[in-house]
Amino acid sequence: MPVLRLYNDKGKEDKHEKIVLPFLAAIICLSTIVPAAAAAPTIQHGSYSGDVWDLQFRLQILDYYRQPLDGVFGSNTTQAVKRFQQDYGLRVDGIVGSQTWQALKRVSVNADELTMLARTVYSEARGEPYTGQVAVAAVVMNRLKSPDFPNTVAGVIFQPLAFTAVDDGQYWLEPDSTAYAAAWEAVRGWDPTGGALYYFNPVTATSKWIWSR
């Protein structure tokens, strides 16, 4: 697997911030292939469609599926689905219906959503240490799992007044590889916040919304 090496502001490699990020180069390409479907149909062994691409990407980012993405629901995808279902207390049948989709979308992202997360990280925290950047993405993921927030990544990020960078337009800046890496790690389970639903710097925060939380 390729290793993404992160460097400090003096151009020296930071040994504490190496992460393994498989298939990073394919993320932007996949974001044009895999739509963020609102209600995916039931799929199972033998299916082949954009929903299978979506499924494989989500399973891959959670480390259940380790083969190349091909959009074909074969035996490797079936076994990955079964492992996910077992870990999340679902019926272990290898079929991706409404319950499995619902659980999967609460804890993972597709290619488009990973780009949304990376944009949020870059626009909100590009000047922060790497752990702080992961923390921003982790807060988005924590909100996604919470019943008090929208149940989609887009809904969380674009909730009115939730993120200053969305309000002032910085969200649309092009994220760098570090922002993608931070988003990837947060989706895979690293949460430096310990489950927090909010973050802010009281010295620099300009959003009035955060003071009402």
N, C-alpha and C. Protein backbone atom coordinates (compact mmCIF):
# COMPACT_ATOMS: atom_id res chain seq x y z
N MET A 1 0.83 -1.19 0.00
CA MET A 1 0.00 0.00 0.00
C MET A 1 0.87 1.25 0.00
N PRO A 2 0.44 2.31 -0.68
CA PRO A 2 1.21 3.55 -0.66
C PRO A 2 1.12 4.19 0.71
N VAL A 3 2.17 4.85 1.12
CA VAL A 3 2.19 5.55 2.40
C VAL A 3 2.22 7.04 2.15
N LEU A 4 1.27 7.76 2.74
CA LEU A 4 1.24 9.20 2.61
C LEU A 4 2.09 9.77 3.74
N ARG A 5 3.15 10.49 3.41
CA ARG A 5 4.04 11.04 4.41
C ARG A 5 3.73 12.52 4.58
N LEU A 6 3.53 12.94 5.80
CA LEU A 6 3.19 14.32 6.09
C LEU A 6 4.43 15.05 6.59
N TYR A 7 4.57 16.32 6.23
CA TYR A 7 5.75 17.10 6.57
C TYR A 7 5.37 18.34 7.35
N ASN A 8 6.29 18.74 8.24
CA ASN A 8 6.03 19.95 9.01
C ASN A 8 6.41 21.18 8.21
N ASP A 9 6.26 22.37 8.82
CA ASP A 9 6.46 23.60 8.06
C ASP A 9 7.92 23.88 7.72
N LYS A 10 8.84 23.05 8.23
CA LYS A 10 10.25 23.21 7.89
C LYS A 10 10.67 22.22 6.81
N GLY A 11 9.70 21.50 6.29
CA GLY A 11 9.98 20.56 5.21
C GLY A 11 10.52 19.23 5.67
N LYS A 12 10.49 18.97 6.98
CA LYS A 12 10.99 17.71 7.50
C LYS A 12 9.83 16.76 7.77
N GLU A 13 10.08 15.51 7.46
CA GLU A 13 9.02 14.52 7.62
C GLU A 13 8.70 14.34 9.11
N ASP A 14 7.41 14.34 9.43
CA ASP A 14 6.97 14.13 10.79
C ASP A 14 6.73 12.64 10.98
N LYS A 15 7.59 11.98 11.73
CA LYS A 15 7.51 10.53 11.89
C LYS A 15 6.24 10.11 12.62
N HIS A 16 5.62 11.02 13.35
CA HIS A 16 4.44 10.67 14.11
C HIS A 16 3.16 10.82 13.30
N GLU A 17 3.29 11.31 12.07
CA GLU A 17 2.09 11.55 11.29
C GLU A 17 2.08 10.79 9.96
N LYS A 18 2.73 9.62 9.95
CA LYS A 18 2.65 8.76 8.77
C LYS A 18 1.36 7.96 8.86
N ILE A 19 0.64 7.86 7.78
CA ILE A 19 -0.54 7.02 7.77
C ILE A 19 -0.60 6.26 6.46
N VAL A 20 -1.23 5.13 6.52
CA VAL A 20 -1.44 4.34 5.31
C VAL A 20 -2.77 4.75 4.72
N LEU A 21 -2.75 5.15 3.48
CA LEU A 21 -3.97 5.65 2.84
C LEU A 21 -4.13 5.00 1.47
N PRO A 22 -4.69 3.78 1.40
CA PRO A 22 -4.82 3.09 0.13
C PRO A 22 -5.78 3.79 -0.81
N PHE A 23 -5.41 3.76 -2.09
CA PHE A 23 -6.27 4.23 -3.16
C PHE A 23 -6.62 5.71 -3.06
N LEU A 24 -5.75 6.53 -2.41
CA LEU A 24 -6.02 7.96 -2.30
C LEU A 24 -6.16 8.60 -3.68
N ALA A 25 -5.32 8.18 -4.61
CA ALA A 25 -5.35 8.81 -5.93
C ALA A 25 -6.66 8.56 -6.66
N ALA A 26 -7.38 7.52 -6.26
CA ALA A 26 -8.62 7.19 -6.97
C ALA A 26 -9.83 7.93 -6.43
N ILE A 27 -9.67 8.59 -5.29
CA ILE A 27 -10.83 9.17 -4.61
C ILE A 27 -11.53 10.21 -5.47
N ILE A 28 -10.76 11.15 -6.03
CA ILE A 28 -11.40 12.21 -6.80
C ILE A 28 -12.05 11.64 -8.05
N CYS A 29 -11.40 10.65 -8.67
CA CYS A 29 -12.00 10.02 -9.86
C CYS A 29 -13.30 9.32 -9.48
N LEU A 30 -13.29 8.60 -8.35
CA LEU A 30 -14.48 7.88 -7.94
C LEU A 30 -15.61 8.82 -7.60
N SER A 31 -15.28 10.01 -7.13
CA SER A 31 -16.34 10.94 -6.75
C SER A 31 -17.19 11.35 -7.95
N THR A 32 -16.66 11.15 -9.13
CA THR A 32 -17.44 11.46 -10.33
C THR A 32 -18.21 10.24 -10.82
N ILE A 33 -17.91 9.06 -10.22
CA ILE A 33 -18.54 7.82 -10.64
C ILE A 33 -19.64 7.41 -9.68
N VAL A 34 -19.40 7.61 -8.37
CA VAL A 34 -20.30 7.10 -7.36
C VAL A 34 -21.18 8.21 -6.81
N PRO A 35 -22.44 8.28 -7.18
CA PRO A 35 -23.33 9.32 -6.65
C PRO A 35 -23.70 9.03 -5.21
N ALA A 36 -24.01 10.08 -4.46
CA ALA A 36 -24.44 9.90 -3.07
C ALA A 36 -25.94 9.62 -3.07
N ALA A 37 -26.30 8.38 -3.33
CA ALA A 37 -27.69 8.00 -3.46
C ALA A 37 -28.42 8.12 -2.14
N ALA A 38 -29.62 8.66 -2.16
CA ALA A 38 -30.40 8.85 -0.93
C ALA A 38 -31.01 7.54 -0.46
N ALA A 39 -31.49 6.74 -1.38
CA ALA A 39 -32.13 5.48 -1.01
C ALA A 39 -31.71 4.40 -1.99
N ALA A 40 -30.64 3.70 -1.66
CA ALA A 40 -30.13 2.67 -2.55
C ALA A 40 -31.01 1.42 -2.49
N PRO A 41 -31.15 0.74 -3.60
CA PRO A 41 -31.98 -0.47 -3.63
C PRO A 41 -31.25 -1.65 -3.01
N THR A 42 -32.00 -2.72 -2.74
CA THR A 42 -31.38 -3.94 -2.22
C THR A 42 -30.45 -4.53 -3.27
N ILE A 43 -29.24 -4.85 -2.86
CA ILE A 43 -28.27 -5.47 -3.76
C ILE A 43 -27.67 -6.69 -3.07
N GLN A 44 -27.22 -7.64 -3.88
CA GLN A 44 -26.68 -8.88 -3.34
C GLN A 44 -25.74 -9.51 -4.37
N HIS A 45 -25.26 -10.70 -4.04
CA HIS A 45 -24.32 -11.40 -4.92
C HIS A 45 -24.88 -11.44 -6.35
N GLY A 46 -24.06 -11.00 -7.30
CA GLY A 46 -24.48 -10.97 -8.70
C GLY A 46 -24.89 -9.59 -9.18
N SER A 47 -25.12 -8.67 -8.25
CA SER A 47 -25.48 -7.31 -8.65
C SER A 47 -24.27 -6.57 -9.20
N TYR A 48 -24.51 -5.65 -10.10
CA TYR A 48 -23.44 -4.78 -10.57
C TYR A 48 -24.07 -3.44 -10.96
N SER A 49 -23.62 -2.37 -10.28
CA SER A 49 -24.21 -1.06 -10.49
C SER A 49 -23.40 -0.02 -9.74
N GLY A 50 -23.83 1.24 -9.85
CA GLY A 50 -23.19 2.30 -9.10
C GLY A 50 -23.35 2.11 -7.60
N ASP A 51 -24.45 1.46 -7.20
CA ASP A 51 -24.64 1.19 -5.77
C ASP A 51 -23.60 0.21 -5.25
N VAL A 52 -23.15 -0.70 -6.08
CA VAL A 52 -22.10 -1.63 -5.66
C VAL A 52 -20.78 -0.89 -5.49
N TRP A 53 -20.49 0.07 -6.38
CA TRP A 53 -19.30 0.91 -6.21
C TRP A 53 -19.37 1.62 -4.86
N ASP A 54 -20.52 2.20 -4.58
CA ASP A 54 -20.74 2.91 -3.33
C ASP A 54 -20.50 1.97 -2.14
N LEU A 55 -21.12 0.80 -2.20
CA LEU A 55 -20.97 -0.20 -1.14
C LEU A 55 -19.51 -0.58 -0.93
N GLN A 56 -18.82 -0.92 -2.01
CA GLN A 56 -17.42 -1.35 -1.90
C GLN A 56 -16.54 -0.25 -1.32
N PHE A 57 -16.78 0.99 -1.74
CA PHE A 57 -15.98 2.10 -1.22
C PHE A 57 -16.19 2.24 0.29
N ARG A 58 -17.45 2.17 0.73
CA ARG A 58 -17.74 2.29 2.16
C ARG A 58 -17.11 1.15 2.95
N LEU A 59 -17.22 -0.07 2.44
CA LEU A 59 -16.63 -1.22 3.12
C LEU A 59 -15.10 -1.14 3.11
N GLN A 60 -14.55 -0.60 2.03
CA GLN A 60 -13.10 -0.48 1.94
C GLN A 60 -12.56 0.52 2.95
N ILE A 61 -13.23 1.66 3.07
CA ILE A 61 -12.75 2.69 3.98
C ILE A 61 -12.85 2.22 5.44
N LEU A 62 -13.76 1.27 5.72
CA LEU A 62 -13.88 0.69 7.05
C LEU A 62 -13.00 -0.54 7.24
N ASP A 63 -12.26 -0.89 6.20
CA ASP A 63 -11.31 -2.01 6.21
C ASP A 63 -11.99 -3.38 6.21
N TYR A 64 -13.20 -3.46 5.68
CA TYR A 64 -13.84 -4.76 5.52
C TYR A 64 -13.55 -5.34 4.12
N TYR A 65 -13.41 -4.48 3.16
CA TYR A 65 -13.18 -4.90 1.77
C TYR A 65 -11.81 -4.42 1.35
N ARG A 66 -10.95 -5.35 0.93
CA ARG A 66 -9.56 -5.01 0.65
C ARG A 66 -9.15 -5.27 -0.80
N GLN A 67 -10.11 -5.52 -1.66
CA GLN A 67 -9.82 -5.74 -3.07
C GLN A 67 -10.07 -4.45 -3.86
N PRO A 68 -9.61 -4.42 -5.12
CA PRO A 68 -9.88 -3.25 -5.96
C PRO A 68 -11.38 -3.05 -6.15
N LEU A 69 -11.80 -1.81 -6.25
CA LEU A 69 -13.20 -1.51 -6.50
C LEU A 69 -13.52 -1.86 -7.95
N ASP A 70 -14.56 -2.66 -8.17
CA ASP A 70 -14.90 -3.05 -9.54
C ASP A 70 -16.39 -2.93 -9.85
N GLY A 71 -17.21 -2.61 -8.84
CA GLY A 71 -18.63 -2.47 -9.08
C GLY A 71 -19.38 -3.77 -9.28
N VAL A 72 -18.72 -4.89 -8.97
CA VAL A 72 -19.35 -6.20 -9.13
C VAL A 72 -19.50 -6.85 -7.75
N PHE A 73 -20.70 -7.24 -7.41
CA PHE A 73 -20.99 -7.84 -6.11
C PHE A 73 -20.66 -9.33 -6.19
N GLY A 74 -19.39 -9.64 -5.93
CA GLY A 74 -18.93 -11.02 -5.98
C GLY A 74 -18.74 -11.59 -4.58
N SER A 75 -17.99 -12.70 -4.50
CA SER A 75 -17.82 -13.40 -3.22
C SER A 75 -17.05 -12.56 -2.20
N ASN A 76 -16.06 -11.80 -2.67
CA ASN A 76 -15.29 -10.96 -1.73
C ASN A 76 -16.17 -9.88 -1.12
N THR A 77 -17.03 -9.28 -1.93
CA THR A 77 -17.94 -8.26 -1.42
C THR A 77 -18.95 -8.89 -0.46
N THR A 78 -19.44 -10.08 -0.80
CA THR A 78 -20.39 -10.78 0.07
C THR A 78 -19.79 -11.04 1.45
N GLN A 79 -18.56 -11.53 1.47
CA GLN A 79 -17.90 -11.81 2.75
C GLN A 79 -17.66 -10.52 3.55
N ALA A 80 -17.32 -9.44 2.85
CA ALA A 80 -17.11 -8.16 3.53
C ALA A 80 -18.41 -7.68 4.16
N VAL A 81 -19.51 -7.81 3.42
CA VAL A 81 -20.82 -7.42 3.94
C VAL A 81 -21.18 -8.25 5.18
N LYS A 82 -20.94 -9.52 5.13
CA LYS A 82 -21.26 -10.39 6.26
C LYS A 82 -20.45 -10.02 7.50
N ARG A 83 -19.19 -9.67 7.31
CA ARG A 83 -18.37 -9.26 8.46
C ARG A 83 -18.91 -7.96 9.06
N PHE A 84 -19.29 -7.05 8.20
CA PHE A 84 -19.87 -5.80 8.68
C PHE A 84 -21.17 -6.07 9.44
N GLN A 85 -22.04 -6.88 8.86
CA GLN A 85 -23.32 -7.19 9.49
C GLN A 85 -23.11 -7.84 10.86
N GLN A 86 -22.17 -8.74 10.96
CA GLN A 86 -21.90 -9.40 12.22
C GLN A 86 -21.42 -8.40 13.28
N ASP A 87 -20.52 -7.52 12.90
CA ASP A 87 -19.97 -6.54 13.84
C ASP A 87 -21.00 -5.53 14.31
N TYR A 88 -22.02 -5.26 13.48
CA TYR A 88 -23.00 -4.24 13.83
C TYR A 88 -24.36 -4.82 14.22
N GLY A 89 -24.37 -6.10 14.56
CA GLY A 89 -25.57 -6.72 15.10
C GLY A 89 -26.71 -6.84 14.12
N LEU A 90 -26.40 -6.98 12.85
CA LEU A 90 -27.42 -7.12 11.81
C LEU A 90 -27.57 -8.59 11.41
N ARG A 91 -28.63 -8.88 10.69
CA ARG A 91 -28.81 -10.23 10.17
C ARG A 91 -27.67 -10.52 9.19
N VAL A 92 -26.95 -11.60 9.42
CA VAL A 92 -25.77 -11.92 8.61
C VAL A 92 -26.21 -12.78 7.42
N ASP A 93 -26.55 -12.10 6.33
CA ASP A 93 -26.99 -12.83 5.14
C ASP A 93 -26.26 -12.38 3.87
N GLY A 94 -25.39 -11.38 3.99
CA GLY A 94 -24.64 -10.91 2.82
C GLY A 94 -25.47 -10.10 1.84
N ILE A 95 -26.71 -9.81 2.20
CA ILE A 95 -27.60 -9.01 1.35
C ILE A 95 -27.68 -7.59 1.91
N VAL A 96 -27.53 -6.62 1.04
CA VAL A 96 -27.55 -5.23 1.49
C VAL A 96 -28.92 -4.62 1.21
N GLY A 97 -29.75 -4.68 2.24
CA GLY A 97 -31.08 -4.08 2.17
C GLY A 97 -31.12 -2.80 2.98
N SER A 98 -32.32 -2.35 3.34
CA SER A 98 -32.48 -1.06 3.99
C SER A 98 -31.76 -0.97 5.33
N GLN A 99 -31.81 -2.03 6.14
CA GLN A 99 -31.17 -1.98 7.46
C GLN A 99 -29.66 -1.92 7.36
N THR A 100 -29.10 -2.71 6.45
CA THR A 100 -27.64 -2.69 6.28
C THR A 100 -27.19 -1.36 5.70
N TRP A 101 -27.93 -0.84 4.72
CA TRP A 101 -27.59 0.48 4.17
C TRP A 101 -27.64 1.54 5.26
N GLN A 102 -28.69 1.51 6.07
CA GLN A 102 -28.85 2.52 7.11
C GLN A 102 -27.67 2.49 8.09
N ALA A 103 -27.29 1.29 8.53
CA ALA A 103 -26.17 1.16 9.46
C ALA A 103 -24.87 1.60 8.81
N LEU A 104 -24.67 1.20 7.56
CA LEU A 104 -23.43 1.52 6.85
C LEU A 104 -23.27 3.02 6.64
N LYS A 105 -24.37 3.68 6.30
CA LYS A 105 -24.30 5.11 6.03
C LYS A 105 -24.14 5.95 7.29
N ARG A 106 -24.39 5.35 8.45
CA ARG A 106 -24.20 6.05 9.71
C ARG A 106 -22.73 6.06 10.13
N VAL A 107 -21.96 5.12 9.62
CA VAL A 107 -20.57 5.00 10.09
C VAL A 107 -19.54 5.11 8.98
N SER A 108 -19.98 5.42 7.77
CA SER A 108 -19.04 5.47 6.65
C SER A 108 -19.42 6.59 5.69
N VAL A 109 -18.62 6.75 4.66
CA VAL A 109 -18.90 7.74 3.62
C VAL A 109 -18.61 7.11 2.27
N ASN A 110 -19.19 7.70 1.22
CA ASN A 110 -18.81 7.29 -0.12
C ASN A 110 -17.77 8.28 -0.65
N ALA A 111 -17.40 8.17 -1.89
CA ALA A 111 -16.33 9.00 -2.43
C ALA A 111 -16.69 10.49 -2.43
N ASP A 112 -17.93 10.80 -2.82
CA ASP A 112 -18.36 12.20 -2.79
C ASP A 112 -18.32 12.77 -1.38
N GLU A 113 -18.79 11.98 -0.43
CA GLU A 113 -18.85 12.43 0.95
C GLU A 113 -17.46 12.58 1.56
N LEU A 114 -16.52 11.74 1.14
CA LEU A 114 -15.16 11.89 1.63
C LEU A 114 -14.59 13.23 1.17
N THR A 115 -14.90 13.61 -0.07
CA THR A 115 -14.47 14.92 -0.56
C THR A 115 -15.13 16.04 0.24
N MET A 116 -16.41 15.89 0.58
CA MET A 116 -17.07 16.88 1.43
C MET A 116 -16.36 17.02 2.77
N LEU A 117 -16.02 15.89 3.37
CA LEU A 117 -15.31 15.91 4.65
C LEU A 117 -13.96 16.61 4.50
N ALA A 118 -13.24 16.27 3.43
CA ALA A 118 -11.92 16.88 3.21
C ALA A 118 -12.04 18.39 3.02
N ARG A 119 -13.07 18.83 2.30
CA ARG A 119 -13.30 20.26 2.13
C ARG A 119 -13.57 20.93 3.48
N THR A 120 -14.35 20.27 4.30
CA THR A 120 -14.66 20.82 5.62
C THR A 120 -13.40 20.93 6.47
N VAL A 121 -12.59 19.88 6.46
CA VAL A 121 -11.34 19.89 7.22
C VAL A 121 -10.42 21.01 6.74
N TYR A 122 -10.25 21.08 5.43
CA TYR A 122 -9.31 22.07 4.87
C TYR A 122 -9.78 23.49 5.14
N SER A 123 -11.06 23.73 4.94
CA SER A 123 -11.56 25.10 5.08
C SER A 123 -11.67 25.53 6.54
N GLU A 124 -11.92 24.59 7.43
CA GLU A 124 -12.10 24.92 8.84
C GLU A 124 -10.78 24.87 9.62
N ALA A 125 -9.84 24.01 9.21
CA ALA A 125 -8.71 23.74 10.11
C ALA A 125 -7.38 23.53 9.41
N ARG A 126 -7.19 24.08 8.22
CA ARG A 126 -5.93 23.82 7.51
C ARG A 126 -4.71 24.38 8.23
N GLY A 127 -4.90 25.32 9.14
CA GLY A 127 -3.77 25.87 9.89
C GLY A 127 -3.54 25.19 11.23
N GLU A 128 -4.37 24.17 11.53
CA GLU A 128 -4.25 23.47 12.80
C GLU A 128 -3.34 22.25 12.68
N PRO A 129 -2.83 21.73 13.81
CA PRO A 129 -2.06 20.48 13.79
C PRO A 129 -2.89 19.35 13.18
N TYR A 130 -2.23 18.30 12.73
CA TYR A 130 -2.92 17.21 12.06
C TYR A 130 -4.01 16.60 12.94
N THR A 131 -3.73 16.41 14.22
CA THR A 131 -4.74 15.84 15.11
C THR A 131 -5.98 16.71 15.15
N GLY A 132 -5.80 18.02 15.12
CA GLY A 132 -6.93 18.93 15.10
C GLY A 132 -7.74 18.81 13.82
N GLN A 133 -7.06 18.54 12.71
CA GLN A 133 -7.78 18.36 11.45
C GLN A 133 -8.62 17.09 11.48
N VAL A 134 -8.05 16.02 12.05
CA VAL A 134 -8.82 14.78 12.20
C VAL A 134 -10.03 15.04 13.10
N ALA A 135 -9.83 15.84 14.13
CA ALA A 135 -10.91 16.13 15.07
C ALA A 135 -12.10 16.80 14.39
N VAL A 136 -11.84 17.68 13.44
CA VAL A 136 -12.93 18.34 12.71
C VAL A 136 -13.76 17.30 11.96
N ALA A 137 -13.09 16.40 11.25
CA ALA A 137 -13.81 15.35 10.53
C ALA A 137 -14.54 14.42 11.49
N ALA A 138 -13.93 14.15 12.65
CA ALA A 138 -14.55 13.27 13.64
C ALA A 138 -15.85 13.87 14.17
N VAL A 139 -15.88 15.18 14.36
CA VAL A 139 -17.09 15.84 14.83
C VAL A 139 -18.22 15.67 13.81
N VAL A 140 -17.89 15.79 12.54
CA VAL A 140 -18.90 15.56 11.50
C VAL A 140 -19.43 14.14 11.59
N MET A 141 -18.53 13.16 11.74
CA MET A 141 -18.95 11.77 11.83
C MET A 141 -19.77 11.53 13.10
N ASN A 142 -19.41 12.17 14.19
CA ASN A 142 -20.17 12.02 15.43
C ASN A 142 -21.58 12.58 15.28
N ARG A 143 -21.70 13.70 14.58
CA ARG A 143 -23.03 14.27 14.33
C ARG A 143 -23.85 13.35 13.44
N LEU A 144 -23.19 12.72 12.48
CA LEU A 144 -23.88 11.81 11.57
C LEU A 144 -24.52 10.66 12.35
N LYS A 145 -23.87 10.22 13.42
CA LYS A 145 -24.38 9.11 14.22
C LYS A 145 -25.39 9.56 15.26
N SER A 146 -25.47 10.85 15.51
CA SER A 146 -26.36 11.37 16.55
C SER A 146 -27.76 11.63 16.01
N PRO A 147 -28.81 11.28 16.79
CA PRO A 147 -30.19 11.55 16.36
C PRO A 147 -30.54 13.03 16.39
N ASP A 148 -29.66 13.85 16.96
CA ASP A 148 -29.93 15.28 17.08
C ASP A 148 -29.48 16.09 15.87
N PHE A 149 -28.90 15.39 14.87
CA PHE A 149 -28.38 16.08 13.69
C PHE A 149 -28.90 15.39 12.43
N PRO A 150 -28.75 16.03 11.27
CA PRO A 150 -29.16 15.39 10.01
C PRO A 150 -28.48 14.04 9.82
N ASN A 151 -29.09 13.16 9.05
CA ASN A 151 -28.57 11.80 8.90
C ASN A 151 -27.77 11.59 7.62
N THR A 152 -27.31 12.68 7.02
CA THR A 152 -26.42 12.58 5.87
C THR A 152 -25.23 13.50 6.08
N VAL A 153 -24.12 13.18 5.45
CA VAL A 153 -22.94 14.02 5.56
C VAL A 153 -23.23 15.43 5.05
N ALA A 154 -23.90 15.51 3.91
CA ALA A 154 -24.24 16.82 3.34
C ALA A 154 -25.15 17.59 4.29
N GLY A 155 -26.11 16.89 4.89
CA GLY A 155 -27.02 17.55 5.81
C GLY A 155 -26.31 18.12 7.02
N VAL A 156 -25.34 17.36 7.55
CA VAL A 156 -24.56 17.83 8.70
C VAL A 156 -23.72 19.05 8.32
N ILE A 157 -23.01 18.95 7.22
CA ILE A 157 -22.08 20.01 6.83
C ILE A 157 -22.82 21.29 6.44
N PHE A 158 -23.95 21.15 5.75
CA PHE A 158 -24.67 22.33 5.28
C PHE A 158 -25.81 22.74 6.20
N GLN A 159 -25.87 22.19 7.40
CA GLN A 159 -26.86 22.66 8.36
C GLN A 159 -26.63 24.15 8.59
N PRO A 160 -27.67 24.96 8.52
CA PRO A 160 -27.50 26.41 8.63
C PRO A 160 -26.69 26.83 9.86
N LEU A 161 -25.66 27.63 9.61
CA LEU A 161 -24.80 28.22 10.63
C LEU A 161 -23.89 27.23 11.36
N ALA A 162 -23.89 25.97 10.93
CA ALA A 162 -23.10 24.97 11.65
C ALA A 162 -21.60 25.15 11.45
N PHE A 163 -21.18 25.53 10.23
CA PHE A 163 -19.76 25.68 9.94
C PHE A 163 -19.50 27.04 9.31
N THR A 164 -18.60 27.78 9.93
CA THR A 164 -18.27 29.12 9.45
C THR A 164 -17.76 29.08 8.01
N ALA A 165 -16.96 28.07 7.69
CA ALA A 165 -16.36 27.98 6.37
C ALA A 165 -17.39 27.80 5.27
N VAL A 166 -18.53 27.21 5.59
CA VAL A 166 -19.62 27.10 4.61
C VAL A 166 -20.25 28.47 4.42
N ASP A 167 -20.45 29.18 5.51
CA ASP A 167 -21.09 30.50 5.43
C ASP A 167 -20.25 31.51 4.66
N ASP A 168 -18.93 31.46 4.86
CA ASP A 168 -18.09 32.48 4.20
C ASP A 168 -17.49 32.02 2.88
N GLY A 169 -17.84 30.81 2.44
CA GLY A 169 -17.41 30.33 1.13
C GLY A 169 -16.08 29.61 1.08
N GLN A 170 -15.35 29.56 2.20
CA GLN A 170 -14.06 28.88 2.18
C GLN A 170 -14.20 27.37 1.97
N TYR A 171 -15.38 26.85 2.25
CA TYR A 171 -15.63 25.42 2.05
C TYR A 171 -15.26 24.97 0.64
N TRP A 172 -15.41 25.85 -0.34
CA TRP A 172 -15.19 25.47 -1.73
C TRP A 172 -13.73 25.53 -2.15
N LEU A 173 -12.82 25.83 -1.24
CA LEU A 173 -11.39 25.75 -1.54
C LEU A 173 -11.02 24.30 -1.82
N GLU A 174 -10.02 24.08 -2.66
CA GLU A 174 -9.60 22.72 -3.00
C GLU A 174 -8.80 22.11 -1.85
N PRO A 175 -9.27 21.00 -1.27
CA PRO A 175 -8.55 20.40 -0.15
C PRO A 175 -7.24 19.75 -0.59
N ASP A 176 -6.26 19.72 0.32
CA ASP A 176 -4.99 19.08 0.01
C ASP A 176 -5.00 17.62 0.49
N SER A 177 -3.89 16.92 0.25
CA SER A 177 -3.82 15.49 0.61
C SER A 177 -3.92 15.28 2.11
N THR A 178 -3.44 16.23 2.91
CA THR A 178 -3.52 16.10 4.36
C THR A 178 -4.97 16.15 4.82
N ALA A 179 -5.78 17.00 4.21
CA ALA A 179 -7.19 17.08 4.56
C ALA A 179 -7.91 15.77 4.21
N TYR A 180 -7.58 15.20 3.06
CA TYR A 180 -8.15 13.90 2.70
C TYR A 180 -7.73 12.83 3.69
N ALA A 181 -6.45 12.86 4.09
CA ALA A 181 -5.95 11.87 5.04
C ALA A 181 -6.67 11.99 6.38
N ALA A 182 -6.87 13.21 6.83
CA ALA A 182 -7.56 13.44 8.10
C ALA A 182 -9.00 12.94 8.03
N ALA A 183 -9.66 13.20 6.92
CA ALA A 183 -11.04 12.73 6.74
C ALA A 183 -11.09 11.21 6.74
N TRP A 184 -10.15 10.60 6.02
CA TRP A 184 -10.08 9.14 5.92
C TRP A 184 -9.92 8.51 7.31
N GLU A 185 -9.00 9.07 8.11
CA GLU A 185 -8.74 8.50 9.43
C GLU A 185 -9.94 8.65 10.36
N ALA A 186 -10.64 9.77 10.26
CA ALA A 186 -11.82 9.97 11.11
C ALA A 186 -12.90 8.95 10.78
N VAL A 187 -13.11 8.70 9.49
CA VAL A 187 -14.11 7.72 9.08
C VAL A 187 -13.72 6.33 9.57
N ARG A 188 -12.43 6.04 9.57
CA ARG A 188 -11.95 4.73 10.01
C ARG A 188 -11.96 4.57 11.53
N GLY A 189 -12.32 5.63 12.25
CA GLY A 189 -12.52 5.45 13.69
C GLY A 189 -11.67 6.27 14.63
N TRP A 190 -10.68 7.03 14.10
CA TRP A 190 -9.87 7.84 15.01
C TRP A 190 -10.68 9.08 15.40
N ASP A 191 -10.93 9.24 16.68
CA ASP A 191 -11.69 10.38 17.17
C ASP A 191 -10.93 11.07 18.31
N PRO A 192 -10.10 12.05 18.00
CA PRO A 192 -9.35 12.76 19.04
C PRO A 192 -10.24 13.53 20.00
N THR A 193 -11.53 13.71 19.65
CA THR A 193 -12.43 14.50 20.49
C THR A 193 -13.11 13.69 21.57
N GLY A 194 -13.05 12.36 21.47
CA GLY A 194 -13.72 11.53 22.45
C GLY A 194 -15.23 11.56 22.34
N GLY A 195 -15.73 11.74 21.13
CA GLY A 195 -17.17 11.71 20.90
C GLY A 195 -17.85 13.06 20.88
N ALA A 196 -17.08 14.15 20.80
CA ALA A 196 -17.65 15.50 20.83
C ALA A 196 -18.53 15.78 19.61
N LEU A 197 -19.56 16.59 19.82
CA LEU A 197 -20.45 17.01 18.74
C LEU A 197 -20.17 18.44 18.30
N TYR A 198 -19.32 19.15 19.03
CA TYR A 198 -19.01 20.54 18.72
C TYR A 198 -17.52 20.80 18.93
N TYR A 199 -17.01 21.80 18.25
CA TYR A 199 -15.64 22.26 18.48
C TYR A 199 -15.60 23.74 18.14
N PHE A 200 -14.73 24.45 18.81
CA PHE A 200 -14.48 25.84 18.44
C PHE A 200 -13.30 26.38 19.22
N ASN A 201 -12.72 27.43 18.71
CA ASN A 201 -11.64 28.14 19.39
C ASN A 201 -12.24 29.43 19.93
N PRO A 202 -12.39 29.57 21.24
CA PRO A 202 -13.05 30.75 21.79
C PRO A 202 -12.33 32.06 21.49
N VAL A 203 -11.06 31.96 21.11
CA VAL A 203 -10.29 33.16 20.80
C VAL A 203 -10.60 33.68 19.41
N THR A 204 -10.84 32.74 18.47
CA THR A 204 -11.01 33.13 17.07
C THR A 204 -12.40 32.89 16.51
N ALA A 205 -13.27 32.19 17.25
CA ALA A 205 -14.60 31.84 16.72
C ALA A 205 -15.42 33.10 16.42
N THR A 206 -16.05 33.09 15.25
CA THR A 206 -16.89 34.23 14.85
C THR A 206 -18.36 33.84 14.72
N SER A 207 -18.66 32.54 14.78
CA SER A 207 -20.02 32.07 14.61
C SER A 207 -20.82 32.30 15.89
N LYS A 208 -21.95 32.98 15.78
CA LYS A 208 -22.84 33.18 16.92
C LYS A 208 -23.55 31.88 17.30
N TRP A 209 -23.69 31.00 16.32
CA TRP A 209 -24.41 29.73 16.53
C TRP A 209 -23.74 28.90 17.61
N ILE A 210 -22.42 28.83 17.61
CA ILE A 210 -21.71 27.96 18.54
C ILE A 210 -21.96 28.37 20.00
N TRP A 211 -22.16 29.66 20.26
CA TRP A 211 -22.37 30.11 21.63
C TRP A 211 -23.73 29.70 22.16
N SER A 212 -24.62 29.23 21.30
CA SER A 212 -25.94 28.81 21.74
C SER A 212 -26.00 27.31 22.04
N ARG A 213 -24.89 26.61 21.81
CA ARG A 213 -24.90 25.16 22.00
C ARG A 213 -24.71 24.80 23.47
